Amino acid sequence: MIMYFSATGNTKYCAEFIAGRLNDESIISLNDMMKKNITEINCEGQKRIGIFSPVYDGDLAYAVSEFIERLEFRNVPEDCYIYGLFTCGSMSGNASERLGTVLSAKGLKLSAAFVVVMPDNYVLMFPQKSNEKIQSSLKNADVTLQTVIKDIEDCKKVFMRRGMKIPSFVMYLIHKFFIPSQRKVKGFTVNNDCIGCGLCAEVCPMNIIELRDNRPVWTEDKCACCLSCLHRCPKRAVNRQKSAKNGRYINPNVKL
């Protein structure tokens, strides 16, 4: 079983890539579970459980962390191999430690953690990379995934890391000040190219976008910062901070 959270397709690609080669993995979208408020999952008979998430602000994506905290894992076999896979643009930060802590509170143990570097899509601060660099990054990711698959098949207790672990006091400051500001929605804007298609509301995992007079409105300050509404808008009408000039990104190898 693989559960994944994905906004622009990077993590979904990893989930499909691995599941397709292991031949015995079901794939479950955490985005869909969040939207439908599904808070339990039956793990009976599962030999492996993979939790796939992007890295946000040097940590497990906060929407994923919060959701896993609420999620009830039923009938997990005692010898089940539970692993995390984290996609990032450069650093994996403390994502594996966070997932391990969340699972431990449920009496579950993280058996392994893997990191796959994918094209960065944080266009609030950085311009999108060139297509050439994106393709190079995707090819390198495939090489990493081939190694990861072998380790998963063998149920190896591997804990990969990309970059340094972030000191606890830095993480405290990030969670105390930076993340709350990121989760506020007043910075979102919609220009006149909006066609009122409603895709932004459809893909929001937090269910905080509504269409009013055919225009999206962000209703609560609990944004997942996945930027799915921004990247997937067909008219590039949704913006936040400097995103208007920084481009958009969708993984070219998956269907969203």
C-alpha atoms as a PDB file:
ATOM      1  CA  MET A   1       0.000   0.000   0.000  1.00  0.00           C
ATOM      2  CA  ILE A   2       1.245   3.459  -0.930  1.00  0.00           C
ATOM      3  CA  MET A   3      -0.372   6.634   0.354  1.00  0.00           C
ATOM      4  CA  TYR A   4       0.805   9.846  -1.267  1.00  0.00           C
ATOM      5  CA  PHE A   5       0.223  13.593  -1.100  1.00  0.00           C
ATOM      6  CA  SER A   6       0.920  15.474  -4.309  1.00  0.00           C
ATOM      7  CA  ALA A   7       0.055  18.891  -5.716  1.00  0.00           C
ATOM      8  CA  THR A   8       1.998  19.171  -8.961  1.00  0.00           C
ATOM      9  CA  GLY A   9       2.636  15.492  -9.616  1.00  0.00           C
ATOM     10  CA  ASN A  10       6.170  14.905  -8.349  1.00  0.00           C
ATOM     11  CA  THR A  11       5.189  12.710  -5.414  1.00  0.00           C
ATOM     12  CA  LYS A  12       2.416  11.032  -7.394  1.00  0.00           C
ATOM     13  CA  TYR A  13       4.980  10.140 -10.044  1.00  0.00           C
ATOM     14  CA  CYS A  14       7.171   8.447  -7.432  1.00  0.00           C
ATOM     15  CA  ALA A  15       4.167   6.535  -6.072  1.00  0.00           C
ATOM     16  CA  GLU A  16       3.134   5.305  -9.523  1.00  0.00           C
ATOM     17  CA  PHE A  17       6.722   4.498 -10.506  1.00  0.00           C
ATOM     18  CA  ILE A  18       7.320   2.330  -7.452  1.00  0.00           C
ATOM     19  CA  ALA A  19       3.883   0.705  -7.377  1.00  0.00           C
ATOM     20  CA  GLY A  20       4.142  -0.186 -11.054  1.00  0.00           C
ATOM     21  CA  ARG A  21       7.407  -2.024 -10.552  1.00  0.00           C
ATOM     22  CA  LEU A  22       6.518  -3.778  -7.317  1.00  0.00           C
ATOM     23  CA  ASN A  23       3.301  -5.082  -8.913  1.00  0.00           C
ATOM     24  CA  ASP A  24       1.528  -5.593  -5.622  1.00  0.00           C
ATOM     25  CA  GLU A  25       0.947  -2.089  -4.362  1.00  0.00           C
ATOM     26  CA  SER A  26      -2.371  -0.242  -4.156  1.00  0.00           C
ATOM     27  CA  ILE A  27      -2.133   3.552  -4.418  1.00  0.00           C
ATOM     28  CA  ILE A  28      -4.203   5.879  -2.251  1.00  0.00           C
ATOM     29  CA  SER A  29      -4.300   9.655  -2.619  1.00  0.00           C
ATOM     30  CA  LEU A  30      -4.016  11.458   0.704  1.00  0.00           C
ATOM     31  CA  ASN A  31      -5.366  14.539  -1.070  1.00  0.00           C
ATOM     32  CA  ASP A  32      -8.621  12.686  -1.750  1.00  0.00           C
ATOM     33  CA  MET A  33      -8.760  11.321   1.791  1.00  0.00           C
ATOM     34  CA  MET A  34      -8.333  14.831   3.171  1.00  0.00           C
ATOM     35  CA  LYS A  35     -11.045  16.273   0.942  1.00  0.00           C
ATOM     36  CA  LYS A  36     -13.481  13.505   1.904  1.00  0.00           C
ATOM     37  CA  ASN A  37     -12.452  13.604   5.577  1.00  0.00           C
ATOM     38  CA  ILE A  38     -11.644   9.890   5.626  1.00  0.00           C
ATOM     39  CA  THR A  39      -9.927   9.312   8.952  1.00  0.00           C
ATOM     40  CA  GLU A  40      -9.281   5.571   9.055  1.00  0.00           C
ATOM     41  CA  ILE A  41      -7.662   3.005   6.804  1.00  0.00           C
ATOM     42  CA  ASN A  42      -7.673  -0.786   6.907  1.00  0.00           C
ATOM     43  CA  CYS A  43      -4.142  -2.180   6.633  1.00  0.00           C
ATOM     44  CA  GLU A  44      -5.016  -5.846   7.068  1.00  0.00           C
ATOM     45  CA  GLY A  45      -2.701  -8.133   5.132  1.00  0.00           C
ATOM     46  CA  GLN A  46      -0.329  -5.364   4.071  1.00  0.00           C
ATOM     47  CA  LYS A  47       3.337  -6.368   3.937  1.00  0.00           C
ATOM     48  CA  ARG A  48       4.432  -2.790   3.254  1.00  0.00           C
ATOM     49  CA  ILE A  49       2.951   0.649   3.871  1.00  0.00           C
ATOM     50  CA  GLY A  50       4.534   3.625   2.135  1.00  0.00           C
ATOM     51  CA  ILE A  51       3.765   7.219   3.064  1.00  0.00           C
ATOM     52  CA  PHE A  52       4.918   9.616   0.337  1.00  0.00           C
ATOM     53  CA  SER A  53       5.090  13.362   0.930  1.00  0.00           C
ATOM     54  CA  PRO A  54       6.840  16.457  -0.366  1.00  0.00           C
ATOM     55  CA  VAL A  55       9.138  18.366   1.972  1.00  0.00           C
ATOM     56  CA  TYR A  56       7.856  21.813   2.958  1.00  0.00           C
ATOM     57  CA  ASP A  57       9.986  24.274   4.911  1.00  0.00           C
ATOM     58  CA  GLY A  58      12.508  21.576   5.837  1.00  0.00           C
ATOM     59  CA  ASP A  59       9.865  19.265   7.261  1.00  0.00           C
ATOM     60  CA  LEU A  60       7.116  16.805   6.435  1.00  0.00           C
ATOM     61  CA  ALA A  61       4.375  18.740   4.632  1.00  0.00           C
ATOM     62  CA  TYR A  62       2.246  20.112   7.469  1.00  0.00           C
ATOM     63  CA  ALA A  63      -1.064  19.037   5.933  1.00  0.00           C
ATOM     64  CA  VAL A  64       0.316  15.493   5.774  1.00  0.00           C
ATOM     65  CA  SER A  65       1.624  15.626   9.331  1.00  0.00           C
ATOM     66  CA  GLU A  66      -1.718  16.859  10.661  1.00  0.00           C
ATOM     67  CA  PHE A  67      -3.664  14.293   8.669  1.00  0.00           C
ATOM     68  CA  ILE A  68      -1.503  11.329   9.701  1.00  0.00           C
ATOM     69  CA  GLU A  69      -1.956  12.430  13.315  1.00  0.00           C
ATOM     70  CA  ARG A  70      -5.738  12.101  12.852  1.00  0.00           C
ATOM     71  CA  LEU A  71      -5.648   8.958  10.716  1.00  0.00           C
ATOM     72  CA  GLU A  72      -6.435   5.640  12.403  1.00  0.00           C
ATOM     73  CA  PHE A  73      -4.427   2.747  10.995  1.00  0.00           C
ATOM     74  CA  ARG A  74      -6.484  -0.402  11.530  1.00  0.00           C
ATOM     75  CA  ASN A  75      -5.191  -3.967  11.537  1.00  0.00           C
ATOM     76  CA  VAL A  76      -1.534  -3.204  10.845  1.00  0.00           C
ATOM     77  CA  PRO A  77       0.432  -6.492  10.835  1.00  0.00           C
ATOM     78  CA  GLU A  78       3.150  -6.623  13.481  1.00  0.00           C
ATOM     79  CA  ASP A  79       5.858  -7.254  10.892  1.00  0.00           C
ATOM     80  CA  CYS A  80       4.633  -4.592   8.452  1.00  0.00           C
ATOM     81  CA  TYR A  81       7.422  -2.604   6.782  1.00  0.00           C
ATOM     82  CA  ILE A  82       6.432   1.072   7.075  1.00  0.00           C
ATOM     83  CA  TYR A  83       8.526   3.497   5.082  1.00  0.00           C
ATOM     84  CA  GLY A  84       8.435   7.144   4.090  1.00  0.00           C
ATOM     85  CA  LEU A  85       9.449   8.639   0.765  1.00  0.00           C
ATOM     86  CA  PHE A  86      10.072  12.362   0.576  1.00  0.00           C
ATOM     87  CA  THR A  87      10.396  14.493  -2.537  1.00  0.00           C
ATOM     88  CA  CYS A  88      12.327  17.739  -2.329  1.00  0.00           C
ATOM     89  CA  GLY A  89      14.047  20.320  -4.465  1.00  0.00           C
ATOM     90  CA  SER A  90      17.319  20.209  -2.550  1.00  0.00           C
ATOM     91  CA  MET A  91      17.063  19.281   1.164  1.00  0.00           C
ATOM     92  CA  SER A  92      14.988  16.669   2.948  1.00  0.00           C
ATOM     93  CA  GLY A  93      15.401  18.447   6.284  1.00  0.00           C
ATOM     94  CA  ASN A  94      13.675  16.773   9.213  1.00  0.00           C
ATOM     95  CA  ALA A  95      10.856  15.103   7.292  1.00  0.00           C
ATOM     96  CA  SER A  96      11.726  11.536   8.273  1.00  0.00           C
ATOM     97  CA  GLU A  97      12.086  12.457  11.944  1.00  0.00           C
ATOM     98  CA  ARG A  98       8.677  14.144  11.888  1.00  0.00           C
ATOM     99  CA  LEU A  99       6.973  11.163  10.271  1.00  0.00           C
ATOM    100  CA  GLY A 100       8.685   8.810  12.697  1.00  0.00           C
ATOM    101  CA  THR A 101       7.445  10.861  15.650  1.00  0.00           C
ATOM    102  CA  VAL A 102       3.869  11.001  14.344  1.00  0.00           C
ATOM    103  CA  LEU A 103       3.802   7.250  13.738  1.00  0.00           C
ATOM    104  CA  SER A 104       5.403   6.474  17.086  1.00  0.00           C
ATOM    105  CA  ALA A 105       2.543   8.263  18.855  1.00  0.00           C
ATOM    106  CA  LYS A 106       0.259   5.698  17.209  1.00  0.00           C
ATOM    107  CA  GLY A 107       2.365   2.745  18.293  1.00  0.00           C
ATOM    108  CA  LEU A 108       3.804   2.326  14.796  1.00  0.00           C
ATOM    109  CA  LYS A 109       7.471   2.324  13.821  1.00  0.00           C
ATOM    110  CA  LEU A 110       9.036   3.895  10.747  1.00  0.00           C
ATOM    111  CA  SER A 111      11.211   1.199   9.178  1.00  0.00           C
ATOM    112  CA  ALA A 112      12.946   3.276   6.493  1.00  0.00           C
ATOM    113  CA  ALA A 113      13.029   6.649   4.782  1.00  0.00           C
ATOM    114  CA  PHE A 114      13.932   7.537   1.214  1.00  0.00           C
ATOM    115  CA  VAL A 115      14.574  10.867  -0.501  1.00  0.00           C
ATOM    116  CA  VAL A 116      14.073  11.690  -4.165  1.00  0.00           C
ATOM    117  CA  VAL A 117      15.179  15.063  -5.539  1.00  0.00           C
ATOM    118  CA  MET A 118      12.627  16.383  -8.021  1.00  0.00           C
ATOM    119  CA  PRO A 119      12.164  19.722  -9.819  1.00  0.00           C
ATOM    120  CA  ASP A 120      11.533  22.431  -7.243  1.00  0.00           C
ATOM    121  CA  ASN A 121       8.187  24.199  -7.657  1.00  0.00           C
ATOM    122  CA  TYR A 122       8.223  26.789  -4.872  1.00  0.00           C
ATOM    123  CA  VAL A 123       7.543  29.731  -7.165  1.00  0.00           C
ATOM    124  CA  LEU A 124       6.597  32.036  -4.301  1.00  0.00           C
ATOM    125  CA  MET A 125      10.290  32.749  -3.894  1.00  0.00           C
ATOM    126  CA  PHE A 126      12.193  31.210  -6.796  1.00  0.00           C
ATOM    127  CA  PRO A 127      11.800  31.270 -10.597  1.00  0.00           C
ATOM    128  CA  GLN A 128      10.911  27.967 -12.200  1.00  0.00           C
ATOM    129  CA  LYS A 129      13.921  26.170 -13.635  1.00  0.00           C
ATOM    130  CA  SER A 130      14.418  25.810 -17.397  1.00  0.00           C
ATOM    131  CA  ASN A 131      12.876  22.838 -19.179  1.00  0.00           C
ATOM    132  CA  GLU A 132      16.370  21.435 -19.729  1.00  0.00           C
ATOM    133  CA  LYS A 133      17.101  21.447 -15.997  1.00  0.00           C
ATOM    134  CA  ILE A 134      13.670  19.997 -15.221  1.00  0.00           C
ATOM    135  CA  GLN A 135      14.235  17.085 -17.600  1.00  0.00           C
ATOM    136  CA  SER A 136      17.693  16.467 -16.143  1.00  0.00           C
ATOM    137  CA  SER A 137      16.253  16.420 -12.631  1.00  0.00           C
ATOM    138  CA  LEU A 138      13.520  13.962 -13.658  1.00  0.00           C
ATOM    139  CA  LYS A 139      16.059  11.602 -15.231  1.00  0.00           C
ATOM    140  CA  ASN A 140      18.183  11.659 -12.092  1.00  0.00           C
ATOM    141  CA  ALA A 141      15.065  10.968 -10.031  1.00  0.00           C
ATOM    142  CA  ASP A 142      14.407   7.822 -12.067  1.00  0.00           C
ATOM    143  CA  VAL A 143      17.907   6.569 -11.243  1.00  0.00           C
ATOM    144  CA  THR A 144      17.289   7.158  -7.539  1.00  0.00           C
ATOM    145  CA  LEU A 145      13.911   5.439  -7.697  1.00  0.00           C
ATOM    146  CA  GLN A 146      15.443   2.296  -9.182  1.00  0.00           C
ATOM    147  CA  THR A 147      17.709   2.004  -6.137  1.00  0.00           C
ATOM    148  CA  VAL A 148      14.841   2.782  -3.781  1.00  0.00           C
ATOM    149  CA  ILE A 149      12.689   0.039  -5.316  1.00  0.00           C
ATOM    150  CA  LYS A 150      15.342  -2.602  -4.629  1.00  0.00           C
ATOM    151  CA  ASP A 151      15.648  -1.481  -1.006  1.00  0.00           C
ATOM    152  CA  ILE A 152      11.862  -1.561  -0.552  1.00  0.00           C
ATOM    153  CA  GLU A 153      11.620  -5.026  -2.078  1.00  0.00           C
ATOM    154  CA  ASP A 154      14.258  -6.222   0.387  1.00  0.00           C
ATOM    155  CA  CYS A 155      12.600  -4.327   3.277  1.00  0.00           C
ATOM    156  CA  LYS A 156      15.906  -2.680   4.083  1.00  0.00           C
ATOM    157  CA  LYS A 157      16.093  -0.344   7.047  1.00  0.00           C
ATOM    158  CA  VAL A 158      17.618   2.550   5.132  1.00  0.00           C
ATOM    159  CA  PHE A 159      17.333   6.160   6.290  1.00  0.00           C
ATOM    160  CA  MET A 160      18.322   8.466   3.465  1.00  0.00           C
ATOM    161  CA  ARG A 161      18.878  12.179   3.977  1.00  0.00           C
ATOM    162  CA  ARG A 162      19.528  15.014   1.584  1.00  0.00           C
ATOM    163  CA  GLY A 163      21.402  17.867   3.229  1.00  0.00           C
ATOM    164  CA  MET A 164      21.804  18.440   6.947  1.00  0.00           C
ATOM    165  CA  LYS A 165      19.326  17.867   9.723  1.00  0.00           C
ATOM    166  CA  ILE A 166      17.857  21.196  10.804  1.00  0.00           C
ATOM    167  CA  PRO A 167      18.551  22.137  14.458  1.00  0.00           C
ATOM    168  CA  SER A 168      15.550  21.870  16.763  1.00  0.00           C
ATOM    169  CA  PHE A 169      15.547  25.573  17.691  1.00  0.00           C
ATOM    170  CA  VAL A 170      15.421  26.519  13.996  1.00  0.00           C
ATOM    171  CA  MET A 171      12.491  24.165  13.448  1.00  0.00           C
ATOM    172  CA  TYR A 172      10.792  25.709  16.472  1.00  0.00           C
ATOM    173  CA  LEU A 173      11.083  29.166  14.933  1.00  0.00           C
ATOM    174  CA  ILE A 174       9.833  27.902  11.567  1.00  0.00           C
ATOM    175  CA  HIS A 175       6.755  26.309  13.131  1.00  0.00           C
ATOM    176  CA  LYS A 176       6.158  29.221  15.489  1.00  0.00           C
ATOM    177  CA  PHE A 177       6.417  32.089  13.030  1.00  0.00           C
ATOM    178  CA  PHE A 178       6.973  31.158   9.381  1.00  0.00           C
ATOM    179  CA  ILE A 179       4.437  28.379   8.868  1.00  0.00           C
ATOM    180  CA  PRO A 180       1.495  30.262  10.450  1.00  0.00           C
ATOM    181  CA  SER A 181       2.154  33.176   8.090  1.00  0.00           C
ATOM    182  CA  GLN A 182       2.349  30.786   5.140  1.00  0.00           C
ATOM    183  CA  ARG A 183      -1.005  29.266   6.011  1.00  0.00           C
ATOM    184  CA  LYS A 184      -2.774  32.612   5.853  1.00  0.00           C
ATOM    185  CA  VAL A 185      -4.621  33.066   2.559  1.00  0.00           C
ATOM    186  CA  LYS A 186      -4.912  36.817   2.122  1.00  0.00           C
ATOM    187  CA  GLY A 187      -1.938  36.838  -0.259  1.00  0.00           C
ATOM    188  CA  PHE A 188      -3.816  34.933  -2.959  1.00  0.00           C
ATOM    189  CA  THR A 189      -5.087  36.977  -5.898  1.00  0.00           C
ATOM    190  CA  VAL A 190      -6.986  36.166  -9.072  1.00  0.00           C
ATOM    191  CA  ASN A 191      -6.580  38.213 -12.233  1.00  0.00           C
ATOM    192  CA  ASN A 192      -9.046  38.819 -15.043  1.00  0.00           C
ATOM    193  CA  ASP A 193      -7.892  35.758 -16.976  1.00  0.00           C
ATOM    194  CA  CYS A 194      -9.923  33.589 -14.582  1.00  0.00           C
ATOM    195  CA  ILE A 195     -12.653  31.648 -16.442  1.00  0.00           C
ATOM    196  CA  GLY A 196     -14.454  30.385 -13.347  1.00  0.00           C
ATOM    197  CA  CYS A 197     -13.730  26.727 -14.120  1.00  0.00           C
ATOM    198  CA  GLY A 198     -13.538  25.804 -10.433  1.00  0.00           C
ATOM    199  CA  LEU A 199     -10.445  23.599 -10.793  1.00  0.00           C
ATOM    200  CA  CYS A 200      -8.712  25.449  -7.956  1.00  0.00           C
ATOM    201  CA  ALA A 201     -11.551  24.556  -5.566  1.00  0.00           C
ATOM    202  CA  GLU A 202     -11.614  20.982  -6.842  1.00  0.00           C
ATOM    203  CA  VAL A 203      -7.914  20.343  -6.216  1.00  0.00           C
ATOM    204  CA  CYS A 204      -7.600  22.130  -2.849  1.00  0.00           C
ATOM    205  CA  PRO A 205      -6.980  19.359  -0.278  1.00  0.00           C
ATOM    206  CA  MET A 206      -8.084  21.596   2.584  1.00  0.00           C
ATOM    207  CA  ASN A 207     -11.467  22.488   1.048  1.00  0.00           C
ATOM    208  CA  ILE A 208     -10.903  26.196   1.654  1.00  0.00           C
ATOM    209  CA  ILE A 209     -11.635  27.528  -1.845  1.00  0.00           C
ATOM    210  CA  GLU A 210     -15.167  28.438  -2.915  1.00  0.00           C
ATOM    211  CA  LEU A 211     -16.476  29.917  -6.142  1.00  0.00           C
ATOM    212  CA  ARG A 212     -18.458  33.097  -5.570  1.00  0.00           C
ATOM    213  CA  ASP A 213     -19.782  34.862  -8.638  1.00  0.00           C
ATOM    214  CA  ASN A 214     -17.571  32.539 -10.679  1.00  0.00           C
ATOM    215  CA  ARG A 215     -14.445  33.684  -8.849  1.00  0.00           C
ATOM    216  CA  PRO A 216     -12.408  31.678  -6.315  1.00  0.00           C
ATOM    217  CA  VAL A 217     -12.379  32.867  -2.709  1.00  0.00           C
ATOM    218  CA  TRP A 218     -10.045  31.448  -0.062  1.00  0.00           C
ATOM    219  CA  THR A 219     -12.154  31.055   3.058  1.00  0.00           C
ATOM    220  CA  GLU A 220      -9.893  29.909   5.931  1.00  0.00           C
ATOM    221  CA  ASP A 221      -6.329  30.460   7.099  1.00  0.00           C
ATOM    222  CA  LYS A 222      -5.370  26.795   6.934  1.00  0.00           C
ATOM    223  CA  CYS A 223      -3.668  26.672   3.540  1.00  0.00           C
ATOM    224  CA  ALA A 224      -1.588  23.538   2.906  1.00  0.00           C
ATOM    225  CA  CYS A 225       0.887  25.651   0.884  1.00  0.00           C
ATOM    226  CA  CYS A 226       0.858  22.945  -1.766  1.00  0.00           C
ATOM    227  CA  LEU A 227       0.166  25.628  -4.426  1.00  0.00           C
ATOM    228  CA  SER A 228      -1.939  23.184  -6.405  1.00  0.00           C
ATOM    229  CA  CYS A 229      -4.501  25.925  -7.110  1.00  0.00           C
ATOM    230  CA  LEU A 230      -1.746  28.148  -8.477  1.00  0.00           C
ATOM    231  CA  HIS A 231       0.225  25.656 -10.565  1.00  0.00           C
ATOM    232  CA  ARG A 232      -2.783  23.894 -12.033  1.00  0.00           C
ATOM    233  CA  CYS A 233      -4.874  26.931 -12.996  1.00  0.00           C
ATOM    234  CA  PRO A 234      -5.301  26.564 -16.800  1.00  0.00           C
ATOM    235  CA  LYS A 235      -5.100  30.336 -17.291  1.00  0.00           C
ATOM    236  CA  ARG A 236      -2.378  31.091 -14.725  1.00  0.00           C
ATOM    237  CA  ALA A 237      -4.895  33.436 -13.140  1.00  0.00           C
ATOM    238  CA  VAL A 238      -4.110  32.474  -9.535  1.00  0.00           C
ATOM    239  CA  ASN A 239      -1.119  34.189  -7.966  1.00  0.00           C
ATOM    240  CA  ARG A 240       0.543  34.709  -4.630  1.00  0.00           C
ATOM    241  CA  GLN A 241       3.531  36.897  -3.756  1.00  0.00           C
ATOM    242  CA  LYS A 242       5.995  36.863  -6.680  1.00  0.00           C
ATOM    243  CA  SER A 243       4.525  33.857  -8.459  1.00  0.00           C
ATOM    244  CA  ALA A 244       3.207  35.798 -11.473  1.00  0.00           C
ATOM    245  CA  LYS A 245       6.710  36.181 -12.884  1.00  0.00           C
ATOM    246  CA  ASN A 246       8.191  32.928 -11.592  1.00  0.00           C
ATOM    247  CA  GLY A 247       6.455  30.436 -13.857  1.00  0.00           C
ATOM    248  CA  ARG A 248       4.414  27.300 -13.210  1.00  0.00           C
ATOM    249  CA  TYR A 249       5.197  23.605 -12.937  1.00  0.00           C
ATOM    250  CA  ILE A 250       3.363  20.330 -13.492  1.00  0.00           C
ATOM    251  CA  ASN A 251       5.210  17.020 -13.624  1.00  0.00           C
ATOM    252  CA  PRO A 252       5.035  16.091 -17.314  1.00  0.00           C
ATOM    253  CA  ASN A 253       4.947  12.342 -16.676  1.00  0.00           C
ATOM    254  CA  VAL A 254       1.711  12.018 -14.703  1.00  0.00           C
ATOM    255  CA  LYS A 255      -1.954  12.663 -15.279  1.00  0.00           C
ATOM    256  CA  LEU A 256      -3.458  14.963 -12.672  1.00  0.00           C
END
